[in-house]
C-alpha atoms as a PDB file:
ATOM      1  CA  UNK A   1      89.204 123.642  73.754  1.00  0.00           C
ATOM      2  CA  UNK A   2      86.262 122.260  75.674  1.00  0.00           C
ATOM      3  CA  UNK A   3      84.755 123.904  78.741  1.00  0.00           C
ATOM      4  CA  UNK A   4      83.283 120.976  80.638  1.00  0.00           C
ATOM      5  CA  UNK A   5      81.065 121.701  83.619  1.00  0.00           C
ATOM      6  CA  UNK A   6      80.549 119.332  86.520  1.00  0.00           C
ATOM      7  CA  UNK A   7      77.248 117.490  86.511  1.00  0.00           C
ATOM      8  CA  UNK A   8      75.874 115.497  89.398  1.00  0.00           C
ATOM      9  CA  UNK A   9      73.330 113.515  87.404  1.00  0.00           C
ATOM     10  CA  UNK A  10      75.662 112.112  84.748  1.00  0.00           C
ATOM     11  CA  UNK A  11      75.930 108.340  84.342  1.00  0.00           C
ATOM     12  CA  UNK A  12      79.655 108.034  83.788  1.00  0.00           C
ATOM     13  CA  UNK A  13      82.026 105.581  82.152  1.00  0.00           C
ATOM     14  CA  UNK A  14      85.772 105.143  81.842  1.00  0.00           C
ATOM     15  CA  UNK A  15      87.641 103.127  79.221  1.00  0.00           C
ATOM     16  CA  UNK A  16      90.884 101.409  80.167  1.00  0.00           C
ATOM     17  CA  UNK A  17      92.813 100.562  76.998  1.00  0.00           C
ATOM     18  CA  UNK A  18      95.249  97.770  77.801  1.00  0.00           C
ATOM     19  CA  UNK A  19      98.169  96.993  75.525  1.00  0.00           C
ATOM     20  CA  UNK A  20     101.865  97.590  75.046  1.00  0.00           C
ATOM     21  CA  UNK A  21     101.212  97.814  71.313  1.00  0.00           C
ATOM     22  CA  UNK A  22      99.066 100.914  71.836  1.00  0.00           C
ATOM     23  CA  UNK A  23     101.648 102.630  74.022  1.00  0.00           C
ATOM     24  CA  UNK A  24     104.450 101.819  71.575  1.00  0.00           C
ATOM     25  CA  UNK A  25     102.577 103.447  68.706  1.00  0.00           C
ATOM     26  CA  UNK A  26     102.544 100.230  66.715  1.00  0.00           C
ATOM     27  CA  UNK A  27      98.750 100.038  66.874  1.00  0.00           C
ATOM     28  CA  UNK A  28      96.337 102.965  66.878  1.00  0.00           C
ATOM     29  CA  UNK A  29      93.269 102.708  69.083  1.00  0.00           C
ATOM     30  CA  UNK A  30      89.869 103.154  67.421  1.00  0.00           C
ATOM     31  CA  UNK A  31      87.771 101.564  70.152  1.00  0.00           C
ATOM     32  CA  UNK A  32      87.357 104.707  72.240  1.00  0.00           C
ATOM     33  CA  UNK A  33      85.449 106.630  69.578  1.00  0.00           C
ATOM     34  CA  UNK A  34      83.156 103.726  68.747  1.00  0.00           C
ATOM     35  CA  UNK A  35      82.373 102.797  72.328  1.00  0.00           C
ATOM     36  CA  UNK A  36      81.729 106.431  73.262  1.00  0.00           C
ATOM     37  CA  UNK A  37      79.113 106.679  70.520  1.00  0.00           C
ATOM     38  CA  UNK A  38      77.429 103.452  71.639  1.00  0.00           C
ATOM     39  CA  UNK A  39      77.333 104.628  75.237  1.00  0.00           C
ATOM     40  CA  UNK A  40      75.982 108.056  74.278  1.00  0.00           C
ATOM     41  CA  UNK A  41      72.918 106.375  72.801  1.00  0.00           C
ATOM     42  CA  UNK A  42      72.440 104.505  76.081  1.00  0.00           C
ATOM     43  CA  UNK A  43      72.646 107.704  78.113  1.00  0.00           C
ATOM     44  CA  UNK A  44      76.115 106.938  79.470  1.00  0.00           C
ATOM     45  CA  UNK A  45      78.856 109.538  79.074  1.00  0.00           C
ATOM     46  CA  UNK A  46      82.455 108.530  78.549  1.00  0.00           C
ATOM     47  CA  UNK A  47      84.263 110.756  81.031  1.00  0.00           C
ATOM     48  CA  UNK A  48      87.789 109.423  80.884  1.00  0.00           C
ATOM     49  CA  UNK A  49      90.099 107.035  79.032  1.00  0.00           C
ATOM     50  CA  UNK A  50      93.405 105.607  80.199  1.00  0.00           C
ATOM     51  CA  UNK A  51      96.027 103.685  78.218  1.00  0.00           C
ATOM     52  CA  UNK A  52      98.081 101.261  80.292  1.00  0.00           C
ATOM     53  CA  UNK A  53     100.623  98.483  79.644  1.00  0.00           C
ATOM     54  CA  UNK A  54     100.198  94.723  79.946  1.00  0.00           C
ATOM     55  CA  UNK A  55     101.427  94.789  83.535  1.00  0.00           C
ATOM     56  CA  UNK A  56      99.365  92.978  86.155  1.00  0.00           C
ATOM     57  CA  UNK A  57      99.906  95.425  89.005  1.00  0.00           C
ATOM     58  CA  UNK A  58      99.078  98.412  86.801  1.00  0.00           C
ATOM     59  CA  UNK A  59      95.891  96.775  85.512  1.00  0.00           C
ATOM     60  CA  UNK A  60      94.776  95.825  89.031  1.00  0.00           C
ATOM     61  CA  UNK A  61      95.432  99.284  90.465  1.00  0.00           C
ATOM     62  CA  UNK A  62      93.798 101.088  87.547  1.00  0.00           C
ATOM     63  CA  UNK A  63      90.674  98.919  87.574  1.00  0.00           C
ATOM     64  CA  UNK A  64      90.264  99.237  91.332  1.00  0.00           C
ATOM     65  CA  UNK A  65      90.640 103.010  91.148  1.00  0.00           C
ATOM     66  CA  UNK A  66      88.281 103.494  88.223  1.00  0.00           C
ATOM     67  CA  UNK A  67      85.512 101.181  89.393  1.00  0.00           C
ATOM     68  CA  UNK A  68      85.037 103.366  92.469  1.00  0.00           C
ATOM     69  CA  UNK A  69      85.144 106.647  90.525  1.00  0.00           C
ATOM     70  CA  UNK A  70      82.843 105.809  87.596  1.00  0.00           C
ATOM     71  CA  UNK A  71      79.466 104.142  87.207  1.00  0.00           C
ATOM     72  CA  UNK A  72      80.833 101.813  84.530  1.00  0.00           C
ATOM     73  CA  UNK A  73      84.344 100.758  83.568  1.00  0.00           C
ATOM     74  CA  UNK A  74      85.228  99.152  80.245  1.00  0.00           C
ATOM     75  CA  UNK A  75      88.503  97.501  79.351  1.00  0.00           C
ATOM     76  CA  UNK A  76      89.749  96.560  75.899  1.00  0.00           C
ATOM     77  CA  UNK A  77      92.635  94.261  75.094  1.00  0.00           C
ATOM     78  CA  UNK A  78      94.477  91.417  76.733  1.00  0.00           C
ATOM     79  CA  UNK A  79      91.893  88.624  76.574  1.00  0.00           C
ATOM     80  CA  UNK A  80      93.460  86.571  73.780  1.00  0.00           C
ATOM     81  CA  UNK A  81      95.314  83.218  73.911  1.00  0.00           C
ATOM     82  CA  UNK A  82      98.926  84.328  74.388  1.00  0.00           C
ATOM     83  CA  UNK A  83     101.158  84.653  77.451  1.00  0.00           C
ATOM     84  CA  UNK A  84     100.843  88.436  77.563  1.00  0.00           C
ATOM     85  CA  UNK A  85      97.033  88.350  77.542  1.00  0.00           C
ATOM     86  CA  UNK A  86      96.685  88.835  81.279  1.00  0.00           C
ATOM     87  CA  UNK A  87      93.546  90.950  81.593  1.00  0.00           C
ATOM     88  CA  UNK A  88      91.310  88.151  82.904  1.00  0.00           C
ATOM     89  CA  UNK A  89      93.927  87.211  85.516  1.00  0.00           C
ATOM     90  CA  UNK A  90      94.302  90.842  86.553  1.00  0.00           C
ATOM     91  CA  UNK A  91      90.556  91.475  86.820  1.00  0.00           C
ATOM     92  CA  UNK A  92      90.138  88.390  89.004  1.00  0.00           C
ATOM     93  CA  UNK A  93      92.951  89.644  91.217  1.00  0.00           C
ATOM     94  CA  UNK A  94      91.380  93.107  91.415  1.00  0.00           C
ATOM     95  CA  UNK A  95      88.126  91.604  92.693  1.00  0.00           C
ATOM     96  CA  UNK A  96      89.809  89.036  94.913  1.00  0.00           C
ATOM     97  CA  UNK A  97      88.245  86.031  93.196  1.00  0.00           C
ATOM     98  CA  UNK A  98      89.537  82.979  91.354  1.00  0.00           C
ATOM     99  CA  UNK A  99      89.396  82.254  87.640  1.00  0.00           C
ATOM    100  CA  UNK A 100      87.257  79.411  86.346  1.00  0.00           C
ATOM    101  CA  UNK A 101      86.722  77.785  82.960  1.00  0.00           C
ATOM    102  CA  UNK A 102      83.274  78.704  81.692  1.00  0.00           C
ATOM    103  CA  UNK A 103      81.692  75.591  80.145  1.00  0.00           C
ATOM    104  CA  UNK A 104      79.936  77.483  77.355  1.00  0.00           C
ATOM    105  CA  UNK A 105      83.174  79.117  76.226  1.00  0.00           C
ATOM    106  CA  UNK A 106      85.056  75.821  76.472  1.00  0.00           C
ATOM    107  CA  UNK A 107      82.439  74.177  74.248  1.00  0.00           C
ATOM    108  CA  UNK A 108      82.632  77.043  71.757  1.00  0.00           C
ATOM    109  CA  UNK A 109      86.412  76.836  71.513  1.00  0.00           C
ATOM    110  CA  UNK A 110      86.454  73.049  71.172  1.00  0.00           C
ATOM    111  CA  UNK A 111      84.191  73.171  68.123  1.00  0.00           C
ATOM    112  CA  UNK A 112      87.311  73.965  66.111  1.00  0.00           C
ATOM    113  CA  UNK A 113      89.795  71.124  66.192  1.00  0.00           C
ATOM    114  CA  UNK A 114      93.414  71.960  66.894  1.00  0.00           C
ATOM    115  CA  UNK A 115      96.619  70.265  68.075  1.00  0.00           C
ATOM    116  CA  UNK A 116      96.785  69.885  71.864  1.00  0.00           C
ATOM    117  CA  UNK A 117      99.264  72.711  72.369  1.00  0.00           C
ATOM    118  CA  UNK A 118      97.137  75.090  70.268  1.00  0.00           C
ATOM    119  CA  UNK A 119      93.971  74.048  72.066  1.00  0.00           C
ATOM    120  CA  UNK A 120      95.640  74.654  75.409  1.00  0.00           C
ATOM    121  CA  UNK A 121      96.433  78.218  74.372  1.00  0.00           C
ATOM    122  CA  UNK A 122      92.940  78.818  73.031  1.00  0.00           C
ATOM    123  CA  UNK A 123      91.352  77.584  76.243  1.00  0.00           C
ATOM    124  CA  UNK A 124      92.993  80.462  78.093  1.00  0.00           C
ATOM    125  CA  UNK A 125      90.187  82.527  76.572  1.00  0.00           C
ATOM    126  CA  UNK A 126      87.594  80.387  78.396  1.00  0.00           C
ATOM    127  CA  UNK A 127      88.758  81.587  81.817  1.00  0.00           C
ATOM    128  CA  UNK A 128      86.662  84.243  83.540  1.00  0.00           C
ATOM    129  CA  UNK A 129      86.484  85.431  87.158  1.00  0.00           C
ATOM    130  CA  UNK A 130      84.097  83.563  89.443  1.00  0.00           C
ATOM    131  CA  UNK A 131      80.798  85.429  89.526  1.00  0.00           C
ATOM    132  CA  UNK A 132      81.235  87.115  86.144  1.00  0.00           C
ATOM    133  CA  UNK A 133      78.611  87.037  83.398  1.00  0.00           C
ATOM    134  CA  UNK A 134      79.289  86.833  79.667  1.00  0.00           C
ATOM    135  CA  UNK A 135      79.216  89.606  77.081  1.00  0.00           C
ATOM    136  CA  UNK A 136      78.030  88.108  73.802  1.00  0.00           C
ATOM    137  CA  UNK A 137      80.394  88.095  70.849  1.00  0.00           C
ATOM    138  CA  UNK A 138      78.352  87.983  67.617  1.00  0.00           C
ATOM    139  CA  UNK A 139      81.566  87.773  65.574  1.00  0.00           C
ATOM    140  CA  UNK A 140      81.779  84.119  66.582  1.00  0.00           C
ATOM    141  CA  UNK A 141      84.768  84.106  68.893  1.00  0.00           C
ATOM    142  CA  UNK A 142      84.939  83.793  72.677  1.00  0.00           C
ATOM    143  CA  UNK A 143      82.825  86.335  74.565  1.00  0.00           C
ATOM    144  CA  UNK A 144      83.898  89.053  76.943  1.00  0.00           C
ATOM    145  CA  UNK A 145      82.667  89.224  80.494  1.00  0.00           C
ATOM    146  CA  UNK A 146      81.215  91.542  83.123  1.00  0.00           C
ATOM    147  CA  UNK A 147      81.921  91.518  86.840  1.00  0.00           C
ATOM    148  CA  UNK A 148      79.999  94.087  88.859  1.00  0.00           C
ATOM    149  CA  UNK A 149      80.409  97.410  87.011  1.00  0.00           C
ATOM    150  CA  UNK A 150      83.462  96.337  84.982  1.00  0.00           C
ATOM    151  CA  UNK A 151      83.022  95.199  81.364  1.00  0.00           C
ATOM    152  CA  UNK A 152      85.962  93.336  79.821  1.00  0.00           C
ATOM    153  CA  UNK A 153      86.039  93.348  76.026  1.00  0.00           C
ATOM    154  CA  UNK A 154      88.310  92.430  73.138  1.00  0.00           C
ATOM    155  CA  UNK A 155      90.920  94.817  71.781  1.00  0.00           C
ATOM    156  CA  UNK A 156      90.472  93.885  68.103  1.00  0.00           C
ATOM    157  CA  UNK A 157      88.158  96.648  66.817  1.00  0.00           C
ATOM    158  CA  UNK A 158      85.830  94.395  64.800  1.00  0.00           C
ATOM    159  CA  UNK A 159      85.326  92.090  67.774  1.00  0.00           C
ATOM    160  CA  UNK A 160      84.969  94.931  70.264  1.00  0.00           C
ATOM    161  CA  UNK A 161      82.347  96.560  68.063  1.00  0.00           C
ATOM    162  CA  UNK A 162      80.423  93.295  67.869  1.00  0.00           C
ATOM    163  CA  UNK A 163      80.458  93.015  71.660  1.00  0.00           C
ATOM    164  CA  UNK A 164      79.490  96.667  72.124  1.00  0.00           C
ATOM    165  CA  UNK A 165      76.525  96.155  69.822  1.00  0.00           C
ATOM    166  CA  UNK A 166      74.999  93.748  72.339  1.00  0.00           C
ATOM    167  CA  UNK A 167      74.952  96.286  75.184  1.00  0.00           C
ATOM    168  CA  UNK A 168      71.448  97.383  76.145  1.00  0.00           C
ATOM    169  CA  UNK A 169      69.769  99.793  78.551  1.00  0.00           C
ATOM    170  CA  UNK A 170      68.706  96.801  80.601  1.00  0.00           C
ATOM    171  CA  UNK A 171      72.336  95.928  81.185  1.00  0.00           C
ATOM    172  CA  UNK A 172      73.574  99.504  81.430  1.00  0.00           C
ATOM    173  CA  UNK A 173      70.866 101.712  82.925  1.00  0.00           C
ATOM    174  CA  UNK A 174      71.762 105.250  81.958  1.00  0.00           C
ATOM    175  CA  UNK A 175      70.366 108.710  81.670  1.00  0.00           C
ATOM    176  CA  UNK A 176      69.025 110.442  78.607  1.00  0.00           C
ATOM    177  CA  UNK A 177      71.001 110.033  75.376  1.00  0.00           C
ATOM    178  CA  UNK A 178      73.640 112.669  74.758  1.00  0.00           C
ATOM    179  CA  UNK A 179      72.964 114.815  71.695  1.00  0.00           C
ATOM    180  CA  UNK A 180      75.160 117.339  69.957  1.00  0.00           C
ATOM    181  CA  UNK A 181      74.991 120.147  67.433  1.00  0.00           C
ATOM    182  CA  UNK A 182      77.778 121.867  65.557  1.00  0.00           C
ATOM    183  CA  UNK A 183      77.924 125.367  64.123  1.00  0.00           C
ATOM    184  CA  UNK A 184      81.013 126.572  62.309  1.00  0.00           C
ATOM    185  CA  UNK A 185      82.282 129.967  61.242  1.00  0.00           C
ATOM    186  CA  UNK A 186      85.362 131.575  59.750  1.00  0.00           C
ATOM    187  CA  UNK A 187      86.256 133.215  63.050  1.00  0.00           C
ATOM    188  CA  UNK A 188      89.291 132.666  65.229  1.00  0.00           C
ATOM    189  CA  UNK A 189      88.830 130.964  68.588  1.00  0.00           C
ATOM    190  CA  UNK A 190      90.030 134.035  70.444  1.00  0.00           C
ATOM    191  CA  UNK A 191      87.326 136.164  68.814  1.00  0.00           C
ATOM    192  CA  UNK A 192      84.549 134.144  70.428  1.00  0.00           C
ATOM    193  CA  UNK A 193      86.283 132.961  73.612  1.00  0.00           C
ATOM    194  CA  UNK A 194      84.684 135.457  76.005  1.00  0.00           C
ATOM    195  CA  UNK A 195      81.232 135.008  74.480  1.00  0.00           C
ATOM    196  CA  UNK A 196      81.508 131.234  74.848  1.00  0.00           C
ATOM    197  CA  UNK A 197      82.613 131.545  78.462  1.00  0.00           C
ATOM    198  CA  UNK A 198      79.534 133.640  79.241  1.00  0.00           C
ATOM    199  CA  UNK A 199      77.240 131.261  77.355  1.00  0.00           C
ATOM    200  CA  UNK A 200      78.723 128.268  79.166  1.00  0.00           C
ATOM    201  CA  UNK A 201      78.103 129.918  82.544  1.00  0.00           C
ATOM    202  CA  UNK A 202      74.440 130.330  81.586  1.00  0.00           C
ATOM    203  CA  UNK A 203      74.129 126.642  80.660  1.00  0.00           C
ATOM    204  CA  UNK A 204      76.138 124.572  83.174  1.00  0.00           C
ATOM    205  CA  UNK A 205      74.335 121.340  82.228  1.00  0.00           C
ATOM    206  CA  UNK A 206      75.852 121.262  78.737  1.00  0.00           C
ATOM    207  CA  UNK A 207      79.362 121.111  77.320  1.00  0.00           C
ATOM    208  CA  UNK A 208      80.277 123.884  74.884  1.00  0.00           C
ATOM    209  CA  UNK A 209      83.518 123.299  73.021  1.00  0.00           C
ATOM    210  CA  UNK A 210      85.420 125.263  70.390  1.00  0.00           C
ATOM    211  CA  UNK A 211      87.614 123.494  67.859  1.00  0.00           C
ATOM    212  CA  UNK A 212      89.767 125.470  65.393  1.00  0.00           C
ATOM    213  CA  UNK A 213      90.180 124.356  61.792  1.00  0.00           C
ATOM    214  CA  UNK A 214      92.290 125.331  58.800  1.00  0.00           C
ATOM    215  CA  UNK A 215      90.876 125.119  55.280  1.00  0.00           C
ATOM    216  CA  UNK A 216      91.915 126.428  51.865  1.00  0.00           C
ATOM    217  CA  UNK A 217      89.224 129.064  52.279  1.00  0.00           C
ATOM    218  CA  UNK A 218      90.712 130.206  55.584  1.00  0.00           C
ATOM    219  CA  UNK A 219      90.814 129.364  59.244  1.00  0.00           C
ATOM    220  CA  UNK A 220      87.916 129.294  61.652  1.00  0.00           C
ATOM    221  CA  UNK A 221      86.233 127.529  64.516  1.00  0.00           C
ATOM    222  CA  UNK A 222      83.623 124.818  64.881  1.00  0.00           C
ATOM    223  CA  UNK A 223      81.463 125.240  67.974  1.00  0.00           C
ATOM    224  CA  UNK A 224      80.103 121.989  69.392  1.00  0.00           C
ATOM    225  CA  UNK A 225      77.378 121.759  72.018  1.00  0.00           C
ATOM    226  CA  UNK A 226      76.661 118.475  73.809  1.00  0.00           C
ATOM    227  CA  UNK A 227      73.831 117.797  76.220  1.00  0.00           C
ATOM    228  CA  UNK A 228      70.743 115.749  76.962  1.00  0.00           C
ATOM    229  CA  UNK A 229      67.992 118.388  76.595  1.00  0.00           C
ATOM    230  CA  UNK A 230      67.071 118.916  72.914  1.00  0.00           C
ATOM    231  CA  UNK A 231      65.259 122.192  73.631  1.00  0.00           C
ATOM    232  CA  UNK A 232      68.244 123.609  75.479  1.00  0.00           C
ATOM    233  CA  UNK A 233      70.570 122.552  72.652  1.00  0.00           C
ATOM    234  CA  UNK A 234      68.336 124.278  70.107  1.00  0.00           C
ATOM    235  CA  UNK A 235      68.275 127.449  72.209  1.00  0.00           C
ATOM    236  CA  UNK A 236      72.055 127.498  72.507  1.00  0.00           C
ATOM    237  CA  UNK A 237      72.347 126.863  68.781  1.00  0.00           C
ATOM    238  CA  UNK A 238      70.306 129.978  68.038  1.00  0.00           C
ATOM    239  CA  UNK A 239      72.416 131.977  70.480  1.00  0.00           C
ATOM    240  CA  UNK A 240      75.582 130.816  68.728  1.00  0.00           C
ATOM    241  CA  UNK A 241      74.237 131.917  65.356  1.00  0.00           C
ATOM    242  CA  UNK A 242      73.545 135.391  66.722  1.00  0.00           C
ATOM    243  CA  UNK A 243      76.980 135.466  68.360  1.00  0.00           C
ATOM    244  CA  UNK A 244      78.684 134.605  65.074  1.00  0.00           C
ATOM    245  CA  UNK A 245      76.662 137.134  63.082  1.00  0.00           C
ATOM    246  CA  UNK A 246      77.483 139.838  65.636  1.00  0.00           C
ATOM    247  CA  UNK A 247      81.141 139.228  64.787  1.00  0.00           C
ATOM    248  CA  UNK A 248      80.396 139.760  61.097  1.00  0.00           C
ATOM    249  CA  UNK A 249      80.653 136.123  60.031  1.00  0.00           C
ATOM    250  CA  UNK A 250      78.219 133.589  58.621  1.00  0.00           C
ATOM    251  CA  UNK A 251      77.170 130.614  60.781  1.00  0.00           C
ATOM    252  CA  UNK A 252      77.329 127.192  59.125  1.00  0.00           C
ATOM    253  CA  UNK A 253      75.038 124.589  60.666  1.00  0.00           C
ATOM    254  CA  UNK A 254      76.736 121.209  60.890  1.00  0.00           C
ATOM    255  CA  UNK A 255      80.156 122.847  60.962  1.00  0.00           C
ATOM    256  CA  UNK A 256      82.699 123.797  58.330  1.00  0.00           C
END
């Protein structure tokens, strides 16, 4: 389990994963892990993720709630060409603005010839809320968009990763990058629980988590420390080694 302390100086983010296919179990989300890693390097901490259906009212309410609670909000899914791709419509409604066809996206889509009915569907992806700016899509398809602190991105992992790769500190001013270290040992979680609680109280600016594992060689716990101060992380790492040795076990840097 992770003992997360409150921090007033954290630049925070929330991911809203939109899609009935995720909730049904038909598709497994991989975007959260990737985006969290990208944001960590930019000094932005993913603090929450929500999975919601393709329902306009739910999307509107969730976006409006999250954009007031977090510094940045990201959405994935629902910006394709089909009838149930309603994220752009919902975001526009959340901000109280109209949708417009962006000329650059229209031109991009029209480079590929298609029958009129197919083109009409594709052009749905050229609609963005008035006042939004584009998020580049190096994979070659239509871009995502940003409106205020909300970033709307594709749900297809390859495309989302391409979009996420264009995010910069200039666009997302953040704090210091989040770093982590892991030390593992063949000790049960309960054996170190009180020690970890005391160590966490001494270092409220970091997150100290314990994660049990089961291997052929036995069961144990990986201890993970996350924070922005490398010196503090190193100090906690040394304390964890001593803690583990005091319990008669061997610490394994990098985890088991």
